């Protein structure tokens, strides 16, 4: 399985990304005027974690990235690719059709046709730690570091919510099987899971991913067929990262960002793509007029659906356990 891109730590970016290195050097020059960063430097030096401003800024970046990684569930449910382009054009191949005549006759074939989808990397995900000068000056190391961790988790949650919304926006007629699979206000059962998997298989795609709200995952845990299929060995689950286990050919993921009552089965490689023009990075924030200072975390991405028929969806499952 191809590894999807994850945000890189500060040292790796400094060694391999010239654009990041130049931006970092610019940020470093004026970081001394930011009370939040100054307090982070002062408390971190007191803890013996670093000795200068450059190391402190690197630690800020690494703390945000480390906290974000477990929440980047979106990167497990869609094909993810890095890019340096503002726009990329993807081809959607339609099936070619061959016509066979009489024995010894001419075989006519309509060549493969294409549609195109243009994806722009114009979506900026951004969140910030924003404090007054006085509050920053009095903050302890634990408080400052926790705020950075919350910042990383927030960016990851926004990214995941956007990709889930992308799938939920597919029209029912464009899904595998030409319709959503009705849950009938019942709990998610093994038979419904198989039905969604089968809808994707019926379109000549192989479903490799299923994602849902944690409530539907809890319901699935009670299905005897699911329990017997794996007994969930601890080494095969990463519940804190959204990965719960396997069913048929699919990895199962849960997220509170999924709509309660909806479930999706996806062949994620043909289904769509998320382009990462700039992965999670941090920079200082200063607004002296408003008396606000802090740190901003941003990423620049683009995404779109390429083959909606490789996605099946179920809805109206019971929303309580």
C-alpha atoms as a PDB file:
ATOM      1  CA  UNK A   1       0.000   0.000   0.000  1.00  0.00           C
ATOM      2  CA  UNK A   2       1.347   3.438  -0.958  1.00  0.00           C
ATOM      3  CA  UNK A   3       2.240   5.588   2.036  1.00  0.00           C
ATOM      4  CA  UNK A   4       0.344   8.869   2.109  1.00  0.00           C
ATOM      5  CA  UNK A   5       2.154  12.150   2.858  1.00  0.00           C
ATOM      6  CA  UNK A   6       2.317  13.355   6.440  1.00  0.00           C
ATOM      7  CA  UNK A   7       3.481  16.763   7.656  1.00  0.00           C
ATOM      8  CA  UNK A   8       7.235  16.844   8.176  1.00  0.00           C
ATOM      9  CA  UNK A   9       9.167  17.915  11.237  1.00  0.00           C
ATOM     10  CA  UNK A  10      11.223  21.094  11.358  1.00  0.00           C
ATOM     11  CA  UNK A  11      14.674  19.558  10.864  1.00  0.00           C
ATOM     12  CA  UNK A  12      13.589  17.612   7.788  1.00  0.00           C
ATOM     13  CA  UNK A  13      12.054  20.720   6.230  1.00  0.00           C
ATOM     14  CA  UNK A  14      15.136  22.817   6.933  1.00  0.00           C
ATOM     15  CA  UNK A  15      17.309  20.238   5.189  1.00  0.00           C
ATOM     16  CA  UNK A  16      15.063  19.479   2.230  1.00  0.00           C
ATOM     17  CA  UNK A  17      12.685  22.390   1.579  1.00  0.00           C
ATOM     18  CA  UNK A  18      14.321  25.626   0.412  1.00  0.00           C
ATOM     19  CA  UNK A  19      11.042  27.556   0.481  1.00  0.00           C
ATOM     20  CA  UNK A  20      10.443  26.589   4.116  1.00  0.00           C
ATOM     21  CA  UNK A  21      14.026  27.438   5.099  1.00  0.00           C
ATOM     22  CA  UNK A  22      13.796  30.939   3.633  1.00  0.00           C
ATOM     23  CA  UNK A  23      10.429  31.608   5.284  1.00  0.00           C
ATOM     24  CA  UNK A  24      11.752  30.339   8.602  1.00  0.00           C
ATOM     25  CA  UNK A  25      14.750  32.652   8.458  1.00  0.00           C
ATOM     26  CA  UNK A  26      12.394  35.580   7.851  1.00  0.00           C
ATOM     27  CA  UNK A  27      10.188  34.624  10.798  1.00  0.00           C
ATOM     28  CA  UNK A  28      13.235  34.219  13.032  1.00  0.00           C
ATOM     29  CA  UNK A  29      14.330  37.809  12.456  1.00  0.00           C
ATOM     30  CA  UNK A  30      11.257  39.391  14.034  1.00  0.00           C
ATOM     31  CA  UNK A  31      10.219  36.690  16.537  1.00  0.00           C
ATOM     32  CA  UNK A  32      11.664  38.708  19.424  1.00  0.00           C
ATOM     33  CA  UNK A  33       8.754  41.169  19.289  1.00  0.00           C
ATOM     34  CA  UNK A  34       6.157  38.471  19.940  1.00  0.00           C
ATOM     35  CA  UNK A  35       5.348  38.152  23.699  1.00  0.00           C
ATOM     36  CA  UNK A  36       3.825  34.686  23.240  1.00  0.00           C
ATOM     37  CA  UNK A  37       6.932  33.328  21.509  1.00  0.00           C
ATOM     38  CA  UNK A  38       9.225  35.088  23.993  1.00  0.00           C
ATOM     39  CA  UNK A  39       7.428  33.455  26.903  1.00  0.00           C
ATOM     40  CA  UNK A  40       7.611  30.087  25.146  1.00  0.00           C
ATOM     41  CA  UNK A  41      11.354  30.573  24.702  1.00  0.00           C
ATOM     42  CA  UNK A  42      11.858  31.658  28.310  1.00  0.00           C
ATOM     43  CA  UNK A  43       9.867  28.806  29.873  1.00  0.00           C
ATOM     44  CA  UNK A  44      11.361  26.233  27.501  1.00  0.00           C
ATOM     45  CA  UNK A  45      14.898  27.296  28.356  1.00  0.00           C
ATOM     46  CA  UNK A  46      13.998  27.052  32.029  1.00  0.00           C
ATOM     47  CA  UNK A  47      12.865  23.459  31.373  1.00  0.00           C
ATOM     48  CA  UNK A  48      16.148  22.761  29.532  1.00  0.00           C
ATOM     49  CA  UNK A  49      14.391  21.966  26.231  1.00  0.00           C
ATOM     50  CA  UNK A  50      16.241  24.430  23.983  1.00  0.00           C
ATOM     51  CA  UNK A  51      18.717  27.274  24.199  1.00  0.00           C
ATOM     52  CA  UNK A  52      17.838  29.802  21.486  1.00  0.00           C
ATOM     53  CA  UNK A  53      14.984  31.271  19.455  1.00  0.00           C
ATOM     54  CA  UNK A  54      15.612  29.105  16.374  1.00  0.00           C
ATOM     55  CA  UNK A  55      15.259  25.931  18.442  1.00  0.00           C
ATOM     56  CA  UNK A  56      12.131  27.289  20.110  1.00  0.00           C
ATOM     57  CA  UNK A  57      10.465  28.003  16.760  1.00  0.00           C
ATOM     58  CA  UNK A  58      11.398  24.515  15.542  1.00  0.00           C
ATOM     59  CA  UNK A  59       9.851  23.035  18.673  1.00  0.00           C
ATOM     60  CA  UNK A  60       6.645  25.020  18.082  1.00  0.00           C
ATOM     61  CA  UNK A  61       6.341  23.552  14.599  1.00  0.00           C
ATOM     62  CA  UNK A  62       7.111  19.995  15.761  1.00  0.00           C
ATOM     63  CA  UNK A  63       4.618  20.154  18.637  1.00  0.00           C
ATOM     64  CA  UNK A  64       1.791  21.203  16.316  1.00  0.00           C
ATOM     65  CA  UNK A  65       2.672  18.537  13.745  1.00  0.00           C
ATOM     66  CA  UNK A  66       2.986  15.753  16.321  1.00  0.00           C
ATOM     67  CA  UNK A  67      -0.417  16.623  17.795  1.00  0.00           C
ATOM     68  CA  UNK A  68      -2.035  16.795  14.347  1.00  0.00           C
ATOM     69  CA  UNK A  69      -0.901  13.409  13.030  1.00  0.00           C
ATOM     70  CA  UNK A  70      -3.342  11.164  14.949  1.00  0.00           C
ATOM     71  CA  UNK A  71      -6.260  13.310  13.779  1.00  0.00           C
ATOM     72  CA  UNK A  72      -5.409  13.260  10.061  1.00  0.00           C
ATOM     73  CA  UNK A  73      -8.021  10.580   9.386  1.00  0.00           C
ATOM     74  CA  UNK A  74      -8.860  12.209   6.053  1.00  0.00           C
ATOM     75  CA  UNK A  75      -5.553  10.979   4.647  1.00  0.00           C
ATOM     76  CA  UNK A  76      -6.686   7.391   5.241  1.00  0.00           C
ATOM     77  CA  UNK A  77      -9.947   7.713   3.308  1.00  0.00           C
ATOM     78  CA  UNK A  78      -8.846   9.463   0.102  1.00  0.00           C
ATOM     79  CA  UNK A  79      -5.824   9.272  -2.194  1.00  0.00           C
ATOM     80  CA  UNK A  80      -3.339  11.919  -1.013  1.00  0.00           C
ATOM     81  CA  UNK A  81      -0.568  13.408  -3.138  1.00  0.00           C
ATOM     82  CA  UNK A  82       1.927  16.210  -2.692  1.00  0.00           C
ATOM     83  CA  UNK A  83       2.171  18.850  -5.395  1.00  0.00           C
ATOM     84  CA  UNK A  84       4.009  22.053  -6.222  1.00  0.00           C
ATOM     85  CA  UNK A  85       1.303  23.210  -8.642  1.00  0.00           C
ATOM     86  CA  UNK A  86      -1.580  25.609  -8.054  1.00  0.00           C
ATOM     87  CA  UNK A  87      -3.787  23.527 -10.379  1.00  0.00           C
ATOM     88  CA  UNK A  88      -3.637  19.957 -11.637  1.00  0.00           C
ATOM     89  CA  UNK A  89      -5.807  18.365 -14.324  1.00  0.00           C
ATOM     90  CA  UNK A  90      -6.862  14.766 -13.736  1.00  0.00           C
ATOM     91  CA  UNK A  91      -8.213  12.438 -16.390  1.00  0.00           C
ATOM     92  CA  UNK A  92     -11.289  10.310 -15.781  1.00  0.00           C
ATOM     93  CA  UNK A  93     -11.164   7.389 -18.219  1.00  0.00           C
ATOM     94  CA  UNK A  94     -14.413   5.977 -19.539  1.00  0.00           C
ATOM     95  CA  UNK A  95     -14.536   2.317 -20.513  1.00  0.00           C
ATOM     96  CA  UNK A  96     -13.793   1.486 -24.143  1.00  0.00           C
ATOM     97  CA  UNK A  97     -16.254  -0.712 -26.025  1.00  0.00           C
ATOM     98  CA  UNK A  98     -15.343  -3.410 -28.568  1.00  0.00           C
ATOM     99  CA  UNK A  99     -17.688  -4.804 -31.213  1.00  0.00           C
ATOM    100  CA  UNK A 100     -16.863  -8.238 -32.670  1.00  0.00           C
ATOM    101  CA  UNK A 101     -18.262  -9.129 -36.081  1.00  0.00           C
ATOM    102  CA  UNK A 102     -18.431 -12.463 -37.853  1.00  0.00           C
ATOM    103  CA  UNK A 103     -15.480 -14.867 -37.795  1.00  0.00           C
ATOM    104  CA  UNK A 104     -12.692 -13.442 -39.912  1.00  0.00           C
ATOM    105  CA  UNK A 105     -14.446 -10.082 -39.977  1.00  0.00           C
ATOM    106  CA  UNK A 106     -13.291  -6.720 -38.716  1.00  0.00           C
ATOM    107  CA  UNK A 107     -13.314  -5.950 -35.008  1.00  0.00           C
ATOM    108  CA  UNK A 108     -14.385  -2.357 -34.392  1.00  0.00           C
ATOM    109  CA  UNK A 109     -13.468  -0.705 -31.132  1.00  0.00           C
ATOM    110  CA  UNK A 110     -14.423   2.666 -29.741  1.00  0.00           C
ATOM    111  CA  UNK A 111     -11.229   3.971 -28.152  1.00  0.00           C
ATOM    112  CA  UNK A 112     -11.000   4.985 -24.531  1.00  0.00           C
ATOM    113  CA  UNK A 113     -12.517   8.416 -23.908  1.00  0.00           C
ATOM    114  CA  UNK A 114     -11.647  10.871 -21.179  1.00  0.00           C
ATOM    115  CA  UNK A 115     -13.222  13.551 -19.080  1.00  0.00           C
ATOM    116  CA  UNK A 116     -11.089  15.994 -17.130  1.00  0.00           C
ATOM    117  CA  UNK A 117     -11.335  17.364 -13.607  1.00  0.00           C
ATOM    118  CA  UNK A 118      -9.326  20.416 -12.605  1.00  0.00           C
ATOM    119  CA  UNK A 119      -8.304  20.596  -8.954  1.00  0.00           C
ATOM    120  CA  UNK A 120      -7.022  23.862  -7.510  1.00  0.00           C
ATOM    121  CA  UNK A 121      -4.934  23.949  -4.351  1.00  0.00           C
ATOM    122  CA  UNK A 122      -6.719  27.090  -3.186  1.00  0.00           C
ATOM    123  CA  UNK A 123      -8.154  25.881   0.121  1.00  0.00           C
ATOM    124  CA  UNK A 124      -6.358  27.286   3.154  1.00  0.00           C
ATOM    125  CA  UNK A 125      -6.974  25.589   6.499  1.00  0.00           C
ATOM    126  CA  UNK A 126      -5.948  27.876   9.318  1.00  0.00           C
ATOM    127  CA  UNK A 127      -6.248  28.132  13.082  1.00  0.00           C
ATOM    128  CA  UNK A 128      -4.405  30.168  15.680  1.00  0.00           C
ATOM    129  CA  UNK A 129      -3.376  30.531  19.290  1.00  0.00           C
ATOM    130  CA  UNK A 130      -4.249  34.148  20.044  1.00  0.00           C
ATOM    131  CA  UNK A 131      -3.534  35.711  23.452  1.00  0.00           C
ATOM    132  CA  UNK A 132      -3.152  39.145  24.971  1.00  0.00           C
ATOM    133  CA  UNK A 133       0.339  40.314  25.860  1.00  0.00           C
ATOM    134  CA  UNK A 134      -0.408  40.153  29.594  1.00  0.00           C
ATOM    135  CA  UNK A 135      -1.826  36.619  29.449  1.00  0.00           C
ATOM    136  CA  UNK A 136       1.166  35.383  27.442  1.00  0.00           C
ATOM    137  CA  UNK A 137       3.658  36.941  29.857  1.00  0.00           C
ATOM    138  CA  UNK A 138       2.188  35.032  32.799  1.00  0.00           C
ATOM    139  CA  UNK A 139       1.715  31.624  31.130  1.00  0.00           C
ATOM    140  CA  UNK A 140       3.620  28.507  32.197  1.00  0.00           C
ATOM    141  CA  UNK A 141       5.329  26.002  29.896  1.00  0.00           C
ATOM    142  CA  UNK A 142       2.570  23.409  30.287  1.00  0.00           C
ATOM    143  CA  UNK A 143      -0.123  25.907  29.341  1.00  0.00           C
ATOM    144  CA  UNK A 144       1.756  27.156  26.276  1.00  0.00           C
ATOM    145  CA  UNK A 145       2.617  23.674  25.032  1.00  0.00           C
ATOM    146  CA  UNK A 146      -0.935  22.418  25.513  1.00  0.00           C
ATOM    147  CA  UNK A 147      -2.238  25.300  23.410  1.00  0.00           C
ATOM    148  CA  UNK A 148       0.066  24.273  20.562  1.00  0.00           C
ATOM    149  CA  UNK A 149      -1.166  20.679  20.790  1.00  0.00           C
ATOM    150  CA  UNK A 150      -4.769  21.880  20.593  1.00  0.00           C
ATOM    151  CA  UNK A 151      -3.811  23.920  17.538  1.00  0.00           C
ATOM    152  CA  UNK A 152      -2.476  20.834  15.753  1.00  0.00           C
ATOM    153  CA  UNK A 153      -5.550  18.792  16.615  1.00  0.00           C
ATOM    154  CA  UNK A 154      -7.825  21.571  15.371  1.00  0.00           C
ATOM    155  CA  UNK A 155      -6.193  21.776  11.933  1.00  0.00           C
ATOM    156  CA  UNK A 156      -6.378  17.981  11.572  1.00  0.00           C
ATOM    157  CA  UNK A 157     -10.075  17.974  12.494  1.00  0.00           C
ATOM    158  CA  UNK A 158     -10.880  20.677   9.943  1.00  0.00           C
ATOM    159  CA  UNK A 159      -9.065  18.748   7.209  1.00  0.00           C
ATOM    160  CA  UNK A 160     -10.933  15.554   8.078  1.00  0.00           C
ATOM    161  CA  UNK A 161     -14.298  17.344   8.171  1.00  0.00           C
ATOM    162  CA  UNK A 162     -13.739  18.788   4.683  1.00  0.00           C
ATOM    163  CA  UNK A 163     -12.919  15.420   3.092  1.00  0.00           C
ATOM    164  CA  UNK A 164     -15.895  13.727   4.753  1.00  0.00           C
ATOM    165  CA  UNK A 165     -18.129  16.562   3.496  1.00  0.00           C
ATOM    166  CA  UNK A 166     -16.720  15.973   0.000  1.00  0.00           C
ATOM    167  CA  UNK A 167     -17.997  12.379   0.054  1.00  0.00           C
ATOM    168  CA  UNK A 168     -21.312  13.334   1.614  1.00  0.00           C
ATOM    169  CA  UNK A 169     -21.932  15.827  -1.214  1.00  0.00           C
ATOM    170  CA  UNK A 170     -22.012  13.078  -3.887  1.00  0.00           C
ATOM    171  CA  UNK A 171     -25.519  12.847  -5.337  1.00  0.00           C
ATOM    172  CA  UNK A 172     -27.335   9.578  -4.614  1.00  0.00           C
ATOM    173  CA  UNK A 173     -27.656   8.733  -8.319  1.00  0.00           C
ATOM    174  CA  UNK A 174     -23.887   9.087  -8.777  1.00  0.00           C
ATOM    175  CA  UNK A 175     -23.002   6.587  -6.039  1.00  0.00           C
ATOM    176  CA  UNK A 176     -22.177   2.930  -6.673  1.00  0.00           C
ATOM    177  CA  UNK A 177     -25.423   1.129  -7.488  1.00  0.00           C
ATOM    178  CA  UNK A 178     -27.124   4.417  -8.378  1.00  0.00           C
ATOM    179  CA  UNK A 179     -28.659   4.974  -4.965  1.00  0.00           C
ATOM    180  CA  UNK A 180     -27.917   5.214  -1.260  1.00  0.00           C
ATOM    181  CA  UNK A 181     -28.401   2.086   0.823  1.00  0.00           C
ATOM    182  CA  UNK A 182     -31.198   2.557   3.333  1.00  0.00           C
ATOM    183  CA  UNK A 183     -30.413   1.823   6.967  1.00  0.00           C
ATOM    184  CA  UNK A 184     -34.087   1.663   7.928  1.00  0.00           C
ATOM    185  CA  UNK A 185     -33.428   3.399  11.256  1.00  0.00           C
ATOM    186  CA  UNK A 186     -31.796   0.164  12.457  1.00  0.00           C
ATOM    187  CA  UNK A 187     -28.305  -0.382  13.824  1.00  0.00           C
ATOM    188  CA  UNK A 188     -25.480  -0.913  11.347  1.00  0.00           C
ATOM    189  CA  UNK A 189     -25.423  -4.671  10.732  1.00  0.00           C
ATOM    190  CA  UNK A 190     -22.954  -6.984   9.046  1.00  0.00           C
ATOM    191  CA  UNK A 191     -25.393  -7.528   6.155  1.00  0.00           C
ATOM    192  CA  UNK A 192     -25.562  -3.785   5.477  1.00  0.00           C
ATOM    193  CA  UNK A 193     -21.779  -3.580   5.589  1.00  0.00           C
ATOM    194  CA  UNK A 194     -21.593  -6.352   2.981  1.00  0.00           C
ATOM    195  CA  UNK A 195     -24.275  -4.634   0.900  1.00  0.00           C
ATOM    196  CA  UNK A 196     -22.217  -1.427   0.716  1.00  0.00           C
ATOM    197  CA  UNK A 197     -19.071  -3.383  -0.092  1.00  0.00           C
ATOM    198  CA  UNK A 198     -20.945  -5.269  -2.811  1.00  0.00           C
ATOM    199  CA  UNK A 199     -22.212  -2.039  -4.396  1.00  0.00           C
ATOM    200  CA  UNK A 200     -18.636  -0.886  -4.995  1.00  0.00           C
ATOM    201  CA  UNK A 201     -17.574  -4.331  -6.217  1.00  0.00           C
ATOM    202  CA  UNK A 202     -20.523  -4.268  -8.630  1.00  0.00           C
ATOM    203  CA  UNK A 203     -18.980  -1.221 -10.317  1.00  0.00           C
ATOM    204  CA  UNK A 204     -15.703  -3.144 -10.880  1.00  0.00           C
ATOM    205  CA  UNK A 205     -13.843  -1.367  -8.074  1.00  0.00           C
ATOM    206  CA  UNK A 206     -12.445  -2.921  -4.907  1.00  0.00           C
ATOM    207  CA  UNK A 207     -13.584  -1.215  -1.726  1.00  0.00           C
ATOM    208  CA  UNK A 208     -10.588  -0.821   0.582  1.00  0.00           C
ATOM    209  CA  UNK A 209     -11.891   1.738   3.087  1.00  0.00           C
ATOM    210  CA  UNK A 210     -15.025   2.267   5.149  1.00  0.00           C
ATOM    211  CA  UNK A 211     -15.647   5.198   7.464  1.00  0.00           C
ATOM    212  CA  UNK A 212     -18.442   6.132   9.804  1.00  0.00           C
ATOM    213  CA  UNK A 213     -19.428   7.940  12.995  1.00  0.00           C
ATOM    214  CA  UNK A 214     -18.280   6.326  16.237  1.00  0.00           C
ATOM    215  CA  UNK A 215     -21.905   5.493  17.043  1.00  0.00           C
ATOM    216  CA  UNK A 216     -22.199   3.223  13.992  1.00  0.00           C
ATOM    217  CA  UNK A 217     -18.841   1.681  14.874  1.00  0.00           C
ATOM    218  CA  UNK A 218     -20.185   0.859  18.333  1.00  0.00           C
ATOM    219  CA  UNK A 219     -23.205  -0.796  16.723  1.00  0.00           C
ATOM    220  CA  UNK A 220     -20.964  -2.852  14.446  1.00  0.00           C
ATOM    221  CA  UNK A 221     -19.009  -4.087  17.448  1.00  0.00           C
ATOM    222  CA  UNK A 222     -22.117  -5.996  18.524  1.00  0.00           C
ATOM    223  CA  UNK A 223     -22.483  -7.880  15.218  1.00  0.00           C
ATOM    224  CA  UNK A 224     -21.478 -11.530  15.724  1.00  0.00           C
ATOM    225  CA  UNK A 225     -20.144 -11.801  12.167  1.00  0.00           C
ATOM    226  CA  UNK A 226     -17.866  -8.807  12.713  1.00  0.00           C
ATOM    227  CA  UNK A 227     -16.565 -10.140  16.009  1.00  0.00           C
ATOM    228  CA  UNK A 228     -15.930 -13.584  14.548  1.00  0.00           C
ATOM    229  CA  UNK A 229     -14.188 -12.137  11.500  1.00  0.00           C
ATOM    230  CA  UNK A 230     -11.241 -10.793  13.446  1.00  0.00           C
ATOM    231  CA  UNK A 231     -11.453 -10.806  17.258  1.00  0.00           C
ATOM    232  CA  UNK A 232      -9.669  -7.454  16.960  1.00  0.00           C
ATOM    233  CA  UNK A 233      -6.089  -8.208  18.049  1.00  0.00           C
ATOM    234  CA  UNK A 234      -4.616  -5.182  19.794  1.00  0.00           C
ATOM    235  CA  UNK A 235      -1.800  -4.956  17.269  1.00  0.00           C
ATOM    236  CA  UNK A 236      -4.270  -4.519  14.414  1.00  0.00           C
ATOM    237  CA  UNK A 237      -6.143  -1.580  15.847  1.00  0.00           C
ATOM    238  CA  UNK A 238      -5.250   2.062  16.384  1.00  0.00           C
ATOM    239  CA  UNK A 239      -8.486   3.363  17.816  1.00  0.00           C
ATOM    240  CA  UNK A 240      -6.881   6.635  18.897  1.00  0.00           C
ATOM    241  CA  UNK A 241      -6.030   7.270  15.242  1.00  0.00           C
ATOM    242  CA  UNK A 242      -9.478   6.286  13.989  1.00  0.00           C
ATOM    243  CA  UNK A 243      -8.448   2.859  12.646  1.00  0.00           C
ATOM    244  CA  UNK A 244     -10.571   0.180  14.261  1.00  0.00           C
ATOM    245  CA  UNK A 245      -9.927  -2.947  12.232  1.00  0.00           C
ATOM    246  CA  UNK A 246     -10.666  -4.811   9.005  1.00  0.00           C
ATOM    247  CA  UNK A 247     -13.841  -6.117   7.408  1.00  0.00           C
ATOM    248  CA  UNK A 248     -13.776  -7.986   4.106  1.00  0.00           C
ATOM    249  CA  UNK A 249     -11.233  -6.024   2.013  1.00  0.00           C
ATOM    250  CA  UNK A 250     -11.771  -2.758   3.909  1.00  0.00           C
ATOM    251  CA  UNK A 251      -9.971  -0.888   6.680  1.00  0.00           C
ATOM    252  CA  UNK A 252     -12.536   0.608   9.039  1.00  0.00           C
ATOM    253  CA  UNK A 253     -12.223   4.177  10.325  1.00  0.00           C
ATOM    254  CA  UNK A 254     -14.325   6.190  12.728  1.00  0.00           C
ATOM    255  CA  UNK A 255     -14.566   9.931  13.228  1.00  0.00           C
ATOM    256  CA  UNK A 256     -16.901  12.240  15.103  1.00  0.00           C
ATOM    257  CA  UNK A 257     -16.791  14.422  11.966  1.00  0.00           C
ATOM    258  CA  UNK A 258     -18.856  11.808  10.097  1.00  0.00           C
ATOM    259  CA  UNK A 259     -22.574  12.472  10.150  1.00  0.00           C
ATOM    260  CA  UNK A 260     -24.206  10.204  12.706  1.00  0.00           C
ATOM    261  CA  UNK A 261     -26.314   7.683  10.768  1.00  0.00           C
ATOM    262  CA  UNK A 262     -24.220   7.690   7.572  1.00  0.00           C
ATOM    263  CA  UNK A 263     -21.608   5.149   6.446  1.00  0.00           C
ATOM    264  CA  UNK A 264     -19.393   5.087   3.342  1.00  0.00           C
ATOM    265  CA  UNK A 265     -17.487   2.300   1.588  1.00  0.00           C
ATOM    266  CA  UNK A 266     -14.832   3.536  -0.808  1.00  0.00           C
ATOM    267  CA  UNK A 267     -12.215   2.384  -3.278  1.00  0.00           C
ATOM    268  CA  UNK A 268     -10.172   5.390  -2.266  1.00  0.00           C
ATOM    269  CA  UNK A 269      -7.574   5.488  -5.043  1.00  0.00           C
ATOM    270  CA  UNK A 270     -10.010   5.937  -7.949  1.00  0.00           C
ATOM    271  CA  UNK A 271     -12.644   7.728  -5.836  1.00  0.00           C
ATOM    272  CA  UNK A 272     -10.887  11.064  -5.411  1.00  0.00           C
ATOM    273  CA  UNK A 273      -7.720  12.890  -4.524  1.00  0.00           C
ATOM    274  CA  UNK A 274      -6.475  15.411  -2.001  1.00  0.00           C
ATOM    275  CA  UNK A 275      -3.554  17.527  -3.169  1.00  0.00           C
ATOM    276  CA  UNK A 276      -1.207  19.054  -0.599  1.00  0.00           C
ATOM    277  CA  UNK A 277       0.483  22.186  -1.890  1.00  0.00           C
ATOM    278  CA  UNK A 278       1.788  23.150   1.550  1.00  0.00           C
ATOM    279  CA  UNK A 279       1.508  20.835   4.519  1.00  0.00           C
ATOM    280  CA  UNK A 280       1.056  22.027   8.094  1.00  0.00           C
ATOM    281  CA  UNK A 281       3.418  24.885   8.939  1.00  0.00           C
ATOM    282  CA  UNK A 282       3.481  27.466  11.721  1.00  0.00           C
ATOM    283  CA  UNK A 283       4.256  31.165  11.883  1.00  0.00           C
ATOM    284  CA  UNK A 284       4.067  33.925  14.465  1.00  0.00           C
ATOM    285  CA  UNK A 285       1.070  36.209  14.808  1.00  0.00           C
ATOM    286  CA  UNK A 286       1.197  39.811  15.999  1.00  0.00           C
ATOM    287  CA  UNK A 287      -1.524  42.450  16.127  1.00  0.00           C
ATOM    288  CA  UNK A 288      -0.203  45.222  18.446  1.00  0.00           C
ATOM    289  CA  UNK A 289      -3.221  47.452  17.793  1.00  0.00           C
ATOM    290  CA  UNK A 290      -5.603  44.773  19.122  1.00  0.00           C
ATOM    291  CA  UNK A 291      -3.053  43.654  21.722  1.00  0.00           C
ATOM    292  CA  UNK A 292      -3.113  40.061  20.445  1.00  0.00           C
ATOM    293  CA  UNK A 293      -0.150  37.744  19.861  1.00  0.00           C
ATOM    294  CA  UNK A 294       0.389  34.061  19.212  1.00  0.00           C
ATOM    295  CA  UNK A 295       1.001  31.381  16.588  1.00  0.00           C
ATOM    296  CA  UNK A 296      -0.867  30.416  13.410  1.00  0.00           C
ATOM    297  CA  UNK A 297      -0.895  26.941  11.850  1.00  0.00           C
ATOM    298  CA  UNK A 298      -1.892  26.648   8.198  1.00  0.00           C
ATOM    299  CA  UNK A 299      -1.974  24.204   5.315  1.00  0.00           C
ATOM    300  CA  UNK A 300      -2.875  24.653   1.646  1.00  0.00           C
ATOM    301  CA  UNK A 301      -4.750  21.863  -0.084  1.00  0.00           C
ATOM    302  CA  UNK A 302      -7.189  21.008  -2.861  1.00  0.00           C
ATOM    303  CA  UNK A 303      -9.508  18.050  -3.326  1.00  0.00           C
ATOM    304  CA  UNK A 304     -12.171  16.554  -5.533  1.00  0.00           C
ATOM    305  CA  UNK A 305     -14.090  13.423  -6.527  1.00  0.00           C
ATOM    306  CA  UNK A 306     -12.880  11.622  -9.659  1.00  0.00           C
ATOM    307  CA  UNK A 307     -14.893   8.380  -9.760  1.00  0.00           C
ATOM    308  CA  UNK A 308     -18.074   8.635  -7.712  1.00  0.00           C
ATOM    309  CA  UNK A 309     -19.119   5.112  -8.722  1.00  0.00           C
ATOM    310  CA  UNK A 310     -16.295   3.772  -6.547  1.00  0.00           C
ATOM    311  CA  UNK A 311     -18.164   5.132  -3.502  1.00  0.00           C
ATOM    312  CA  UNK A 312     -21.207   3.583  -1.861  1.00  0.00           C
ATOM    313  CA  UNK A 313     -23.138   5.210   0.930  1.00  0.00           C
ATOM    314  CA  UNK A 314     -25.602   4.087   3.547  1.00  0.00           C
ATOM    315  CA  UNK A 315     -27.880   6.443   5.448  1.00  0.00           C
ATOM    316  CA  UNK A 316     -30.594   6.533   8.085  1.00  0.00           C
ATOM    317  CA  UNK A 317     -28.895   4.131  10.469  1.00  0.00           C
ATOM    318  CA  UNK A 318     -29.898   4.340  14.087  1.00  0.00           C
ATOM    319  CA  UNK A 319     -28.165   7.295  15.763  1.00  0.00           C
ATOM    320  CA  UNK A 320     -28.123   5.884  19.291  1.00  0.00           C
ATOM    321  CA  UNK A 321     -26.487   2.788  20.686  1.00  0.00           C
END
